[in-house]
Amino acid sequence: MDTNTHNIYLFKALDAYPFALEEAIEALNYALSYDEKNVQALCLMANLQADQLNDLEAAKHYFEAAVASKMELPRIYPDYVYTLVRNEDFEEAQKVLDYALLLKGADKALLNLLQGQLFEAQQNNKKALKSYKRGKKLSLNNHFITFAENEIERVKKKLPKKRKPKKKSKTKRKEKK
């Protein structure tokens, strides 16, 4: 019975988020009271904390609980990494990314895109560009390719323009008569 009740509240939360936040929070609290280690409920609560309340520390707490509950679940990591980047926890974000890229079934294209965002946040635009290109190569749909191309073009604009070496021109002196 607990599993069914838990699922009902989780489905209510999924249905309500992000448009009916009060209902989503209430349903999530009920779902987590039935199973405090439910990864999907923890991740949804983390996203709610990060995206709606801008409480990145609380979001990190929920993501950490989700990872502790089921570390090998790849769907946790993209939102977790994005939250860490937003919170400027760059070293931690890199460690999480490195682990997530090793997981079977992980969205490697998205994780490479997030790697690019991490590099970009650290003002390393050349590495960001390489990561965006790698993400584009790994993409499995046209929408993602278009998004990656836009990111690539945006970052290219940030790179310093290469200067062409000036050619030394020979000037002919006009001799005065």
C-alpha atoms as a PDB file:
ATOM      1  CA  MET A   1       0.000   0.000   0.000  1.00  0.00           C
ATOM      2  CA  ASP A   2       2.819   2.419   0.817  1.00  0.00           C
ATOM      3  CA  THR A   3       4.311   2.034  -2.636  1.00  0.00           C
ATOM      4  CA  ASN A   4       1.009   2.814  -4.327  1.00  0.00           C
ATOM      5  CA  THR A   5       0.331   5.819  -2.105  1.00  0.00           C
ATOM      6  CA  HIS A   6       3.862   7.037  -2.672  1.00  0.00           C
ATOM      7  CA  ASN A   7       3.424   6.730  -6.437  1.00  0.00           C
ATOM      8  CA  ILE A   8       0.127   8.609  -6.358  1.00  0.00           C
ATOM      9  CA  TYR A   9       1.749  11.562  -4.593  1.00  0.00           C
ATOM     10  CA  LEU A  10       4.782  11.466  -6.847  1.00  0.00           C
ATOM     11  CA  PHE A  11       2.533  11.503  -9.928  1.00  0.00           C
ATOM     12  CA  LYS A  12       0.564  14.410  -8.468  1.00  0.00           C
ATOM     13  CA  ALA A  13       3.793  16.322  -7.919  1.00  0.00           C
ATOM     14  CA  LEU A  14       5.018  15.572 -11.438  1.00  0.00           C
ATOM     15  CA  ASP A  15       1.677  16.674 -12.854  1.00  0.00           C
ATOM     16  CA  ALA A  16       1.600  19.913 -10.854  1.00  0.00           C
ATOM     17  CA  TYR A  17       5.214  20.995 -11.374  1.00  0.00           C
ATOM     18  CA  PRO A  18       6.077  23.725 -12.447  1.00  0.00           C
ATOM     19  CA  PHE A  19       2.651  25.303 -12.954  1.00  0.00           C
ATOM     20  CA  ALA A  20       0.992  24.648  -9.587  1.00  0.00           C
ATOM     21  CA  LEU A  21       3.880  24.953  -7.165  1.00  0.00           C
ATOM     22  CA  GLU A  22       1.845  24.760  -3.981  1.00  0.00           C
ATOM     23  CA  GLU A  23       0.288  21.468  -5.092  1.00  0.00           C
ATOM     24  CA  ALA A  24       3.657  20.164  -6.254  1.00  0.00           C
ATOM     25  CA  ILE A  25       5.354  20.929  -2.933  1.00  0.00           C
ATOM     26  CA  GLU A  26       2.528  19.396  -0.928  1.00  0.00           C
ATOM     27  CA  ALA A  27       2.527  16.236  -3.031  1.00  0.00           C
ATOM     28  CA  LEU A  28       6.328  16.002  -2.886  1.00  0.00           C
ATOM     29  CA  ASN A  29       6.333  16.338   0.884  1.00  0.00           C
ATOM     30  CA  TYR A  30       3.803  13.499   1.118  1.00  0.00           C
ATOM     31  CA  ALA A  31       5.774  11.372  -1.339  1.00  0.00           C
ATOM     32  CA  LEU A  32       9.008  11.921   0.584  1.00  0.00           C
ATOM     33  CA  SER A  33       7.284  11.165   3.887  1.00  0.00           C
ATOM     34  CA  TYR A  34       6.391   7.731   2.490  1.00  0.00           C
ATOM     35  CA  ASP A  35       9.845   7.133   0.998  1.00  0.00           C
ATOM     36  CA  GLU A  36      12.532   9.628   1.937  1.00  0.00           C
ATOM     37  CA  LYS A  37      15.027   7.944  -0.413  1.00  0.00           C
ATOM     38  CA  ASN A  38      12.933   8.068  -3.580  1.00  0.00           C
ATOM     39  CA  VAL A  39      15.297   9.384  -6.226  1.00  0.00           C
ATOM     40  CA  GLN A  40      12.662  10.857  -8.510  1.00  0.00           C
ATOM     41  CA  ALA A  41      10.985  12.751  -5.667  1.00  0.00           C
ATOM     42  CA  LEU A  42      14.352  13.989  -4.371  1.00  0.00           C
ATOM     43  CA  CYS A  43      15.391  15.202  -7.827  1.00  0.00           C
ATOM     44  CA  LEU A  44      12.086  16.967  -8.400  1.00  0.00           C
ATOM     45  CA  MET A  45      12.381  18.671  -5.014  1.00  0.00           C
ATOM     46  CA  ALA A  46      15.960  19.674  -5.870  1.00  0.00           C
ATOM     47  CA  ASN A  47      14.837  21.171  -9.178  1.00  0.00           C
ATOM     48  CA  LEU A  48      12.025  23.011  -7.445  1.00  0.00           C
ATOM     49  CA  GLN A  49      14.470  24.444  -4.908  1.00  0.00           C
ATOM     50  CA  ALA A  50      16.952  25.498  -7.599  1.00  0.00           C
ATOM     51  CA  ASP A  51      14.667  26.737 -10.351  1.00  0.00           C
ATOM     52  CA  GLN A  52      11.696  28.185  -8.487  1.00  0.00           C
ATOM     53  CA  LEU A  53      13.118  29.265  -5.129  1.00  0.00           C
ATOM     54  CA  ASN A  54      16.712  29.875  -6.250  1.00  0.00           C
ATOM     55  CA  ASP A  55      17.901  28.055  -3.132  1.00  0.00           C
ATOM     56  CA  LEU A  56      20.897  26.306  -4.641  1.00  0.00           C
ATOM     57  CA  GLU A  57      22.228  25.013  -1.319  1.00  0.00           C
ATOM     58  CA  ALA A  58      18.925  23.271  -0.558  1.00  0.00           C
ATOM     59  CA  ALA A  59      18.899  21.900  -4.102  1.00  0.00           C
ATOM     60  CA  LYS A  60      22.411  20.512  -3.594  1.00  0.00           C
ATOM     61  CA  HIS A  61      21.233  18.818  -0.398  1.00  0.00           C
ATOM     62  CA  TYR A  62      18.401  17.054  -2.246  1.00  0.00           C
ATOM     63  CA  PHE A  63      20.662  16.045  -5.132  1.00  0.00           C
ATOM     64  CA  GLU A  64      23.215  14.657  -2.669  1.00  0.00           C
ATOM     65  CA  ALA A  65      20.455  12.614  -1.023  1.00  0.00           C
ATOM     66  CA  ALA A  66      19.397  11.303  -4.448  1.00  0.00           C
ATOM     67  CA  VAL A  67      22.974  10.309  -5.286  1.00  0.00           C
ATOM     68  CA  ALA A  68      23.350   8.612  -1.899  1.00  0.00           C
ATOM     69  CA  SER A  69      20.142   6.709  -2.568  1.00  0.00           C
ATOM     70  CA  LYS A  70      20.943   5.496  -6.086  1.00  0.00           C
ATOM     71  CA  MET A  71      24.369   6.592  -7.282  1.00  0.00           C
ATOM     72  CA  GLU A  72      24.284   4.675 -10.567  1.00  0.00           C
ATOM     73  CA  LEU A  73      21.129   6.374 -11.894  1.00  0.00           C
ATOM     74  CA  PRO A  74      22.289   8.616 -14.758  1.00  0.00           C
ATOM     75  CA  ARG A  75      19.240  10.881 -14.861  1.00  0.00           C
ATOM     76  CA  ILE A  76      20.278  12.564 -11.599  1.00  0.00           C
ATOM     77  CA  TYR A  77      23.456  14.112 -12.912  1.00  0.00           C
ATOM     78  CA  PRO A  78      22.595  16.697 -15.611  1.00  0.00           C
ATOM     79  CA  ASP A  79      20.433  18.807 -13.293  1.00  0.00           C
ATOM     80  CA  TYR A  80      22.835  18.258 -10.405  1.00  0.00           C
ATOM     81  CA  VAL A  81      25.816  19.474 -12.452  1.00  0.00           C
ATOM     82  CA  TYR A  82      23.866  22.480 -13.727  1.00  0.00           C
ATOM     83  CA  THR A  83      22.973  23.414 -10.141  1.00  0.00           C
ATOM     84  CA  LEU A  84      26.616  23.126  -9.084  1.00  0.00           C
ATOM     85  CA  VAL A  85      27.724  25.346 -11.974  1.00  0.00           C
ATOM     86  CA  ARG A  86      25.076  27.945 -11.104  1.00  0.00           C
ATOM     87  CA  ASN A  87      26.297  27.877  -7.496  1.00  0.00           C
ATOM     88  CA  GLU A  88      29.914  28.287  -8.677  1.00  0.00           C
ATOM     89  CA  ASP A  89      30.964  24.976  -7.114  1.00  0.00           C
ATOM     90  CA  PHE A  90      33.230  24.309 -10.070  1.00  0.00           C
ATOM     91  CA  GLU A  91      35.518  21.634  -8.592  1.00  0.00           C
ATOM     92  CA  GLU A  92      32.575  19.631  -7.309  1.00  0.00           C
ATOM     93  CA  ALA A  93      30.780  20.013 -10.644  1.00  0.00           C
ATOM     94  CA  GLN A  94      33.846  18.651 -12.464  1.00  0.00           C
ATOM     95  CA  LYS A  95      34.040  15.622 -10.161  1.00  0.00           C
ATOM     96  CA  VAL A  96      30.349  14.874 -10.620  1.00  0.00           C
ATOM     97  CA  LEU A  97      30.662  15.302 -14.397  1.00  0.00           C
ATOM     98  CA  ASP A  98      33.667  12.985 -14.558  1.00  0.00           C
ATOM     99  CA  TYR A  99      31.701  10.290 -12.738  1.00  0.00           C
ATOM    100  CA  ALA A 100      28.503  10.805 -14.738  1.00  0.00           C
ATOM    101  CA  LEU A 101      30.343  10.432 -18.047  1.00  0.00           C
ATOM    102  CA  LEU A 102      31.349   6.912 -16.981  1.00  0.00           C
ATOM    103  CA  LEU A 103      27.791   5.748 -16.327  1.00  0.00           C
ATOM    104  CA  LYS A 104      26.100   3.397 -18.745  1.00  0.00           C
ATOM    105  CA  GLY A 105      23.032   5.043 -20.219  1.00  0.00           C
ATOM    106  CA  ALA A 106      24.100   8.595 -19.390  1.00  0.00           C
ATOM    107  CA  ASP A 107      23.253  11.290 -21.924  1.00  0.00           C
ATOM    108  CA  LYS A 108      26.821  11.910 -23.048  1.00  0.00           C
ATOM    109  CA  ALA A 109      25.815  14.695 -25.438  1.00  0.00           C
ATOM    110  CA  LEU A 110      24.097  16.650 -22.664  1.00  0.00           C
ATOM    111  CA  LEU A 111      26.910  15.997 -20.207  1.00  0.00           C
ATOM    112  CA  ASN A 112      29.449  17.333 -22.717  1.00  0.00           C
ATOM    113  CA  LEU A 113      27.288  20.402 -23.190  1.00  0.00           C
ATOM    114  CA  LEU A 114      27.295  20.879 -19.420  1.00  0.00           C
ATOM    115  CA  GLN A 115      31.069  20.430 -19.453  1.00  0.00           C
ATOM    116  CA  GLY A 116      31.172  23.307 -21.922  1.00  0.00           C
ATOM    117  CA  GLN A 117      29.029  25.449 -19.641  1.00  0.00           C
ATOM    118  CA  LEU A 118      31.337  24.646 -16.739  1.00  0.00           C
ATOM    119  CA  PHE A 119      34.392  25.699 -18.749  1.00  0.00           C
ATOM    120  CA  GLU A 120      32.597  28.812 -19.943  1.00  0.00           C
ATOM    121  CA  ALA A 121      31.688  29.758 -16.366  1.00  0.00           C
ATOM    122  CA  GLN A 122      35.398  29.461 -15.570  1.00  0.00           C
ATOM    123  CA  GLN A 123      36.243  31.798 -18.476  1.00  0.00           C
ATOM    124  CA  ASN A 124      37.900  28.991 -20.452  1.00  0.00           C
ATOM    125  CA  ASN A 125      36.147  29.517 -23.765  1.00  0.00           C
ATOM    126  CA  LYS A 126      38.491  27.387 -25.894  1.00  0.00           C
ATOM    127  CA  LYS A 127      37.818  24.301 -23.781  1.00  0.00           C
ATOM    128  CA  ALA A 128      34.127  25.192 -23.708  1.00  0.00           C
ATOM    129  CA  LEU A 129      34.065  25.282 -27.493  1.00  0.00           C
ATOM    130  CA  LYS A 130      35.669  21.822 -27.705  1.00  0.00           C
ATOM    131  CA  SER A 131      33.129  20.399 -25.255  1.00  0.00           C
ATOM    132  CA  TYR A 132      30.204  21.911 -27.155  1.00  0.00           C
ATOM    133  CA  LYS A 133      31.516  20.415 -30.396  1.00  0.00           C
ATOM    134  CA  ARG A 134      31.939  17.003 -28.744  1.00  0.00           C
ATOM    135  CA  GLY A 135      28.379  17.241 -27.404  1.00  0.00           C
ATOM    136  CA  LYS A 136      27.107  18.096 -30.871  1.00  0.00           C
ATOM    137  CA  LYS A 137      28.839  15.020 -32.329  1.00  0.00           C
ATOM    138  CA  LEU A 138      27.205  12.790 -29.727  1.00  0.00           C
ATOM    139  CA  SER A 139      23.751  14.271 -30.248  1.00  0.00           C
ATOM    140  CA  LEU A 140      20.860  12.037 -31.231  1.00  0.00           C
ATOM    141  CA  ASN A 141      18.308  14.614 -32.390  1.00  0.00           C
ATOM    142  CA  ASN A 142      18.069  17.724 -34.522  1.00  0.00           C
ATOM    143  CA  HIS A 143      16.856  20.021 -31.741  1.00  0.00           C
ATOM    144  CA  PHE A 144      19.915  19.272 -29.651  1.00  0.00           C
ATOM    145  CA  ILE A 145      22.204  19.763 -32.654  1.00  0.00           C
ATOM    146  CA  THR A 146      20.627  23.173 -33.303  1.00  0.00           C
ATOM    147  CA  PHE A 147      21.042  24.145 -29.661  1.00  0.00           C
ATOM    148  CA  ALA A 148      24.678  22.992 -29.651  1.00  0.00           C
ATOM    149  CA  GLU A 149      25.377  24.921 -32.858  1.00  0.00           C
ATOM    150  CA  ASN A 150      23.954  28.067 -31.272  1.00  0.00           C
ATOM    151  CA  GLU A 151      26.157  27.570 -28.209  1.00  0.00           C
ATOM    152  CA  ILE A 152      29.199  27.070 -30.444  1.00  0.00           C
ATOM    153  CA  GLU A 153      28.488  30.269 -32.375  1.00  0.00           C
ATOM    154  CA  ARG A 154      27.883  32.222 -29.175  1.00  0.00           C
ATOM    155  CA  VAL A 155      31.187  31.093 -27.644  1.00  0.00           C
ATOM    156  CA  LYS A 156      33.089  31.763 -30.877  1.00  0.00           C
ATOM    157  CA  LYS A 157      32.044  35.406 -30.555  1.00  0.00           C
ATOM    158  CA  LYS A 158      33.724  35.520 -27.144  1.00  0.00           C
ATOM    159  CA  LEU A 159      37.066  34.300 -28.461  1.00  0.00           C
ATOM    160  CA  PRO A 160      39.619  36.926 -29.395  1.00  0.00           C
ATOM    161  CA  LYS A 161      39.846  37.490 -33.100  1.00  0.00           C
ATOM    162  CA  LYS A 162      42.961  36.204 -34.744  1.00  0.00           C
ATOM    163  CA  ARG A 163      45.064  38.932 -36.211  1.00  0.00           C
ATOM    164  CA  LYS A 164      46.418  38.441 -39.651  1.00  0.00           C
ATOM    165  CA  PRO A 165      50.059  39.376 -39.936  1.00  0.00           C
ATOM    166  CA  LYS A 166      50.517  42.634 -41.720  1.00  0.00           C
ATOM    167  CA  LYS A 167      52.314  42.404 -44.991  1.00  0.00           C
ATOM    168  CA  LYS A 168      55.143  44.795 -45.372  1.00  0.00           C
ATOM    169  CA  SER A 169      54.560  46.694 -48.515  1.00  0.00           C
ATOM    170  CA  LYS A 170      57.358  48.153 -50.454  1.00  0.00           C
ATOM    171  CA  THR A 171      56.788  51.773 -51.030  1.00  0.00           C
ATOM    172  CA  LYS A 172      58.378  53.379 -53.928  1.00  0.00           C
ATOM    173  CA  ARG A 173      59.961  56.627 -53.204  1.00  0.00           C
ATOM    174  CA  LYS A 174      59.285  59.253 -55.656  1.00  0.00           C
ATOM    175  CA  GLU A 175      62.413  60.983 -56.520  1.00  0.00           C
ATOM    176  CA  LYS A 176      62.275  64.668 -56.722  1.00  0.00           C
ATOM    177  CA  LYS A 177      63.688  66.206 -59.800  1.00  0.00           C
END
